[in-house]
């Protein structure tokens, strides 16, 4: 029986968790990244400017977490976006496509009742770690 490695991923380049969880957990070659808010890592306060600005900050932080695990945006296989207001869907999409430029992951987007710290946006992903070969669909 082979052993599967479970590794906690943490980077000081992204905001620390605001509750008892980790930034990410790597299980074998699959990375599970916790929900990321648009927080300034130094002040631990949300960036000002609304959903699009928060989404950009969250995605920057997400990139640092992916990097710390040896992954990247092009290795994300599933993303989930939680919105305080579904009317922000288009604005967040405009920011999202700056980070996910090709081989887009599967994705779900939801309007939720309330997000931590009064955030407008929270983004979580599942990604691969290691060599990934993209095969075009037929």
Protein backbone atom coordinates (compact mmCIF):
# COMPACT_ATOMS: atom_id res chain seq x y z
CA UNK A 1 0.00 0.00 0.00
CA UNK A 2 1.45 3.37 -0.99
CA UNK A 3 1.46 6.38 1.27
CA UNK A 4 -0.23 9.59 0.20
CA UNK A 5 1.46 12.75 1.40
CA UNK A 6 -0.60 15.56 2.94
CA UNK A 7 1.29 18.87 3.12
CA UNK A 8 0.16 22.21 4.52
CA UNK A 9 0.92 25.12 2.17
CA UNK A 10 1.56 28.56 3.62
CA UNK A 11 3.15 31.71 2.28
CA UNK A 12 3.78 35.08 3.90
CA UNK A 13 3.09 36.70 0.51
CA UNK A 14 -0.67 36.15 1.03
CA UNK A 15 -2.92 37.09 3.94
CA UNK A 16 -2.92 34.69 6.85
CA UNK A 17 -6.15 32.75 7.49
CA UNK A 18 -8.81 34.61 9.48
CA UNK A 19 -10.06 31.43 11.19
CA UNK A 20 -8.73 27.93 12.03
CA UNK A 21 -7.81 26.73 8.53
CA UNK A 22 -4.77 26.72 6.23
CA UNK A 23 -4.16 28.69 3.06
CA UNK A 24 -3.99 25.42 1.18
CA UNK A 25 -3.50 21.68 1.58
CA UNK A 26 -1.62 19.56 -0.94
CA UNK A 27 -2.78 15.95 -1.08
CA UNK A 28 -0.54 13.92 -3.36
CA UNK A 29 -0.61 16.09 -6.53
CA UNK A 30 -3.93 17.84 -5.89
CA UNK A 31 -3.94 21.25 -4.23
CA UNK A 32 -7.00 22.48 -2.35
CA UNK A 33 -6.84 26.24 -1.79
CA UNK A 34 -9.09 27.76 0.86
CA UNK A 35 -11.33 30.69 0.03
CA UNK A 36 -9.27 33.86 -0.50
CA UNK A 37 -10.63 37.32 0.25
CA UNK A 38 -9.39 40.61 -1.16
CA UNK A 39 -7.32 41.39 1.91
CA UNK A 40 -4.22 43.52 2.18
CA UNK A 41 -1.79 41.03 3.76
CA UNK A 42 -0.12 43.71 5.90
CA UNK A 43 -3.22 45.34 7.38
CA UNK A 44 -5.53 42.30 7.14
CA UNK A 45 -8.24 44.68 5.96
CA UNK A 46 -10.24 44.44 2.75
CA UNK A 47 -8.97 46.59 -0.09
CA UNK A 48 -11.34 49.43 -0.92
CA UNK A 49 -13.12 49.87 -4.22
CA UNK A 50 -15.75 47.15 -4.47
CA UNK A 51 -16.01 43.65 -5.86
CA UNK A 52 -13.68 44.01 -8.85
CA UNK A 53 -10.86 45.50 -6.75
CA UNK A 54 -11.34 42.82 -4.08
CA UNK A 55 -11.34 40.10 -6.76
CA UNK A 56 -8.04 41.38 -8.20
CA UNK A 57 -6.44 41.38 -4.75
CA UNK A 58 -7.83 37.91 -3.97
CA UNK A 59 -6.48 36.55 -7.26
CA UNK A 60 -3.05 38.08 -6.65
CA UNK A 61 -2.94 36.39 -3.24
CA UNK A 62 -4.23 33.17 -4.78
CA UNK A 63 -1.35 33.30 -7.26
CA UNK A 64 1.16 33.48 -4.40
CA UNK A 65 -0.44 30.46 -2.72
CA UNK A 66 -0.40 28.48 -5.97
CA UNK A 67 3.26 29.42 -6.47
CA UNK A 68 4.17 28.33 -2.92
CA UNK A 69 2.73 24.91 -3.72
CA UNK A 70 4.50 24.58 -7.07
CA UNK A 71 1.35 25.24 -9.09
CA UNK A 72 -0.03 28.11 -11.17
CA UNK A 73 -3.23 29.51 -12.64
CA UNK A 74 -2.93 27.31 -15.74
CA UNK A 75 -2.99 24.22 -13.50
CA UNK A 76 -6.25 25.17 -11.76
CA UNK A 77 -8.93 22.60 -12.62
CA UNK A 78 -11.85 24.04 -10.62
CA UNK A 79 -12.61 27.46 -9.21
CA UNK A 80 -15.50 28.64 -7.10
CA UNK A 81 -16.42 32.27 -6.71
CA UNK A 82 -18.68 33.45 -3.92
CA UNK A 83 -20.26 36.87 -4.41
CA UNK A 84 -22.06 39.05 -1.93
CA UNK A 85 -24.09 40.37 -4.89
CA UNK A 86 -24.56 38.45 -8.16
CA UNK A 87 -24.79 41.83 -9.94
CA UNK A 88 -20.98 41.95 -9.57
CA UNK A 89 -20.67 38.86 -11.81
CA UNK A 90 -19.61 40.77 -14.97
CA UNK A 91 -17.12 43.03 -13.17
CA UNK A 92 -15.48 40.07 -11.44
CA UNK A 93 -15.32 38.17 -14.76
CA UNK A 94 -13.36 41.06 -16.29
CA UNK A 95 -10.73 40.71 -13.56
CA UNK A 96 -10.84 36.90 -13.58
CA UNK A 97 -9.89 36.69 -17.25
CA UNK A 98 -6.69 38.65 -16.55
CA UNK A 99 -5.49 35.73 -14.42
CA UNK A 100 -7.08 32.75 -16.19
CA UNK A 101 -6.01 33.47 -19.76
CA UNK A 102 -6.24 30.02 -21.38
CA UNK A 103 -7.23 26.44 -20.60
CA UNK A 104 -9.92 27.83 -18.32
CA UNK A 105 -10.88 25.70 -15.33
CA UNK A 106 -14.34 24.44 -14.55
CA UNK A 107 -16.08 27.06 -12.43
CA UNK A 108 -19.09 27.80 -10.25
CA UNK A 109 -20.21 31.22 -9.08
CA UNK A 110 -22.74 31.81 -6.33
CA UNK A 111 -24.37 34.71 -4.58
CA UNK A 112 -24.18 33.95 -0.87
CA UNK A 113 -25.90 35.41 2.19
CA UNK A 114 -22.79 36.94 3.71
CA UNK A 115 -19.01 36.61 3.39
CA UNK A 116 -16.37 36.85 6.14
CA UNK A 117 -15.27 40.36 7.16
CA UNK A 118 -18.02 41.91 5.01
CA UNK A 119 -16.21 40.93 1.79
CA UNK A 120 -17.82 41.23 -1.63
CA UNK A 121 -15.87 38.31 -3.14
CA UNK A 122 -14.24 35.06 -2.03
CA UNK A 123 -12.44 32.70 -4.42
CA UNK A 124 -11.31 29.11 -3.86
CA UNK A 125 -9.63 26.69 -6.26
CA UNK A 126 -8.49 23.13 -6.76
CA UNK A 127 -5.29 22.77 -8.78
CA UNK A 128 -2.77 20.21 -9.94
CA UNK A 129 0.85 20.25 -8.86
CA UNK A 130 3.53 18.81 -11.12
CA UNK A 131 3.79 18.39 -14.86
CA UNK A 132 0.45 18.87 -16.60
CA UNK A 133 -0.14 18.20 -20.27
CA UNK A 134 -3.12 20.02 -21.77
CA UNK A 135 -4.90 17.97 -24.40
CA UNK A 136 -7.28 19.85 -26.69
CA UNK A 137 -10.89 18.68 -26.80
CA UNK A 138 -12.09 16.94 -29.92
